[in-house]
């Protein structure tokens, strides 16, 4: 693979990862505002915090792509996914998801996409 192809692949991984983070933010904002998750004690403000965190990480990856930012973003996406999995199986802070909704499916896809793309970008960035 030549240098141009490598740079294109790296840029594409970053763009896909940023897209995953933005997707996470959009889904959580929709749930927070339109689906009234803001009214759920503890979970409500955690959804808002997820929106803000995902957007800050997406902007950071866009403006200053660094291995540590990519790794933190990938771990953030995995942590959000893990929280959703817990909420599907047992109460999390007193809240239990009744099942996977359309929004839940989009959230899962966004979180997996962000984790895989940014994890791969961080892995690639470790090598000279």
Protein backbone atom coordinates (compact mmCIF):
# COMPACT_ATOMS: atom_id res chain seq x y z
CA UNK A 1 0.00 0.00 0.00
CA UNK A 2 1.47 3.35 -0.99
CA UNK A 3 1.54 6.46 1.20
CA UNK A 4 -1.44 8.09 -0.53
CA UNK A 5 -3.61 4.99 0.02
CA UNK A 6 -2.58 4.81 3.68
CA UNK A 7 -3.44 8.45 4.27
CA UNK A 8 -6.79 8.00 2.53
CA UNK A 9 -7.58 4.96 4.68
CA UNK A 10 -6.59 6.81 7.85
CA UNK A 11 -8.72 9.82 6.89
CA UNK A 12 -11.68 7.56 6.12
CA UNK A 13 -11.36 5.78 9.47
CA UNK A 14 -11.36 9.15 11.21
CA UNK A 15 -14.39 10.37 9.26
CA UNK A 16 -16.35 7.17 9.97
CA UNK A 17 -15.40 7.35 13.66
CA UNK A 18 -16.44 10.99 13.89
CA UNK A 19 -19.70 10.08 12.17
CA UNK A 20 -20.30 7.36 14.76
CA UNK A 21 -19.75 9.85 17.59
CA UNK A 22 -22.12 12.37 16.01
CA UNK A 23 -24.66 9.57 15.50
CA UNK A 24 -24.40 8.71 19.19
CA UNK A 25 -24.99 12.35 20.10
CA UNK A 26 -28.02 12.69 17.80
CA UNK A 27 -29.68 9.50 19.09
CA UNK A 28 -29.11 10.39 22.73
CA UNK A 29 -30.34 13.95 22.18
CA UNK A 30 -33.48 12.57 20.52
CA UNK A 31 -34.09 10.23 23.44
CA UNK A 32 -33.33 12.95 25.97
CA UNK A 33 -35.56 15.61 24.43
CA UNK A 34 -38.22 14.02 22.23
CA UNK A 35 -38.65 10.74 24.10
CA UNK A 36 -38.61 12.46 27.52
CA UNK A 37 -35.63 10.60 28.96
CA UNK A 38 -34.77 13.95 30.58
CA UNK A 39 -37.57 13.20 33.04
CA UNK A 40 -35.97 9.97 34.25
CA UNK A 41 -33.97 10.54 37.45
CA UNK A 42 -30.20 10.05 37.03
CA UNK A 43 -30.52 8.56 33.53
CA UNK A 44 -31.80 11.84 32.11
CA UNK A 45 -28.74 13.94 32.82
CA UNK A 46 -26.46 11.01 31.88
CA UNK A 47 -28.05 11.07 28.41
CA UNK A 48 -27.36 14.80 28.18
CA UNK A 49 -23.78 14.20 29.33
CA UNK A 50 -23.42 11.55 26.61
CA UNK A 51 -24.60 14.05 23.99
CA UNK A 52 -22.09 16.67 25.12
CA UNK A 53 -19.22 14.20 25.51
CA UNK A 54 -19.75 12.64 22.09
CA UNK A 55 -19.82 16.07 20.44
CA UNK A 56 -16.68 17.26 22.25
CA UNK A 57 -14.84 14.07 21.26
CA UNK A 58 -16.02 14.38 17.64
CA UNK A 59 -14.78 17.97 17.45
CA UNK A 60 -11.50 16.98 19.09
CA UNK A 61 -10.98 14.19 16.54
CA UNK A 62 -11.80 16.58 13.70
CA UNK A 63 -9.56 19.42 14.83
CA UNK A 64 -6.74 17.61 16.59
CA UNK A 65 -6.59 13.93 15.65
CA UNK A 66 -4.41 12.26 18.23
CA UNK A 67 -4.03 8.64 19.27
CA UNK A 68 -5.10 9.34 22.86
CA UNK A 69 -8.25 11.18 21.72
CA UNK A 70 -9.14 8.32 19.35
CA UNK A 71 -8.53 5.71 22.03
CA UNK A 72 -10.59 7.65 24.58
CA UNK A 73 -13.38 8.07 22.04
CA UNK A 74 -13.41 4.35 21.22
CA UNK A 75 -13.53 3.47 24.93
CA UNK A 76 -16.30 6.03 25.48
CA UNK A 77 -18.36 4.40 22.71
CA UNK A 78 -17.77 0.93 24.19
CA UNK A 79 -18.73 2.17 27.66
CA UNK A 80 -21.95 3.66 26.33
CA UNK A 81 -22.72 0.39 24.54
CA UNK A 82 -22.01 -1.59 27.71
CA UNK A 83 -24.35 0.67 29.71
CA UNK A 84 -27.11 0.04 27.19
CA UNK A 85 -26.53 -3.72 27.40
CA UNK A 86 -26.80 -3.57 31.19
CA UNK A 87 -30.01 -1.50 31.01
CA UNK A 88 -31.51 -4.13 28.69
CA UNK A 89 -30.89 -6.93 31.16
CA UNK A 90 -31.32 -5.34 34.61
CA UNK A 91 -32.09 -1.95 36.12
CA UNK A 92 -29.35 0.64 35.77
CA UNK A 93 -29.80 3.48 38.26
CA UNK A 94 -33.38 2.29 38.67
CA UNK A 95 -34.11 2.28 34.93
CA UNK A 96 -34.51 -0.77 32.71
CA UNK A 97 -34.95 -0.60 28.93
CA UNK A 98 -37.99 -2.62 27.83
CA UNK A 99 -36.25 -3.76 24.64
CA UNK A 100 -34.30 -2.57 21.62
CA UNK A 101 -36.17 0.18 19.83
CA UNK A 102 -35.37 1.85 16.50
CA UNK A 103 -33.36 4.48 18.39
CA UNK A 104 -31.60 1.71 20.28
CA UNK A 105 -30.61 0.01 17.05
CA UNK A 106 -29.23 3.24 15.62
CA UNK A 107 -27.36 3.87 18.88
CA UNK A 108 -25.84 0.39 18.83
CA UNK A 109 -24.73 0.83 15.22
CA UNK A 110 -23.24 4.27 15.94
CA UNK A 111 -21.40 3.07 19.02
CA UNK A 112 -19.97 0.00 17.30
CA UNK A 113 -18.97 2.08 14.28
CA UNK A 114 -17.24 4.71 16.43
CA UNK A 115 -15.45 2.11 18.56
CA UNK A 116 -14.20 0.06 15.61
CA UNK A 117 -13.16 2.96 13.37
CA UNK A 118 -11.47 5.03 16.07
CA UNK A 119 -9.94 1.96 17.70
CA UNK A 120 -8.46 0.97 14.33
CA UNK A 121 -7.25 4.55 13.77
CA UNK A 122 -5.61 4.61 17.20
CA UNK A 123 -3.99 1.22 16.52
CA UNK A 124 -2.66 2.44 13.17
CA UNK A 125 -1.42 5.70 14.73
CA UNK A 126 0.83 3.79 17.13
CA UNK A 127 3.09 2.65 14.28
CA UNK A 128 5.52 4.97 12.47
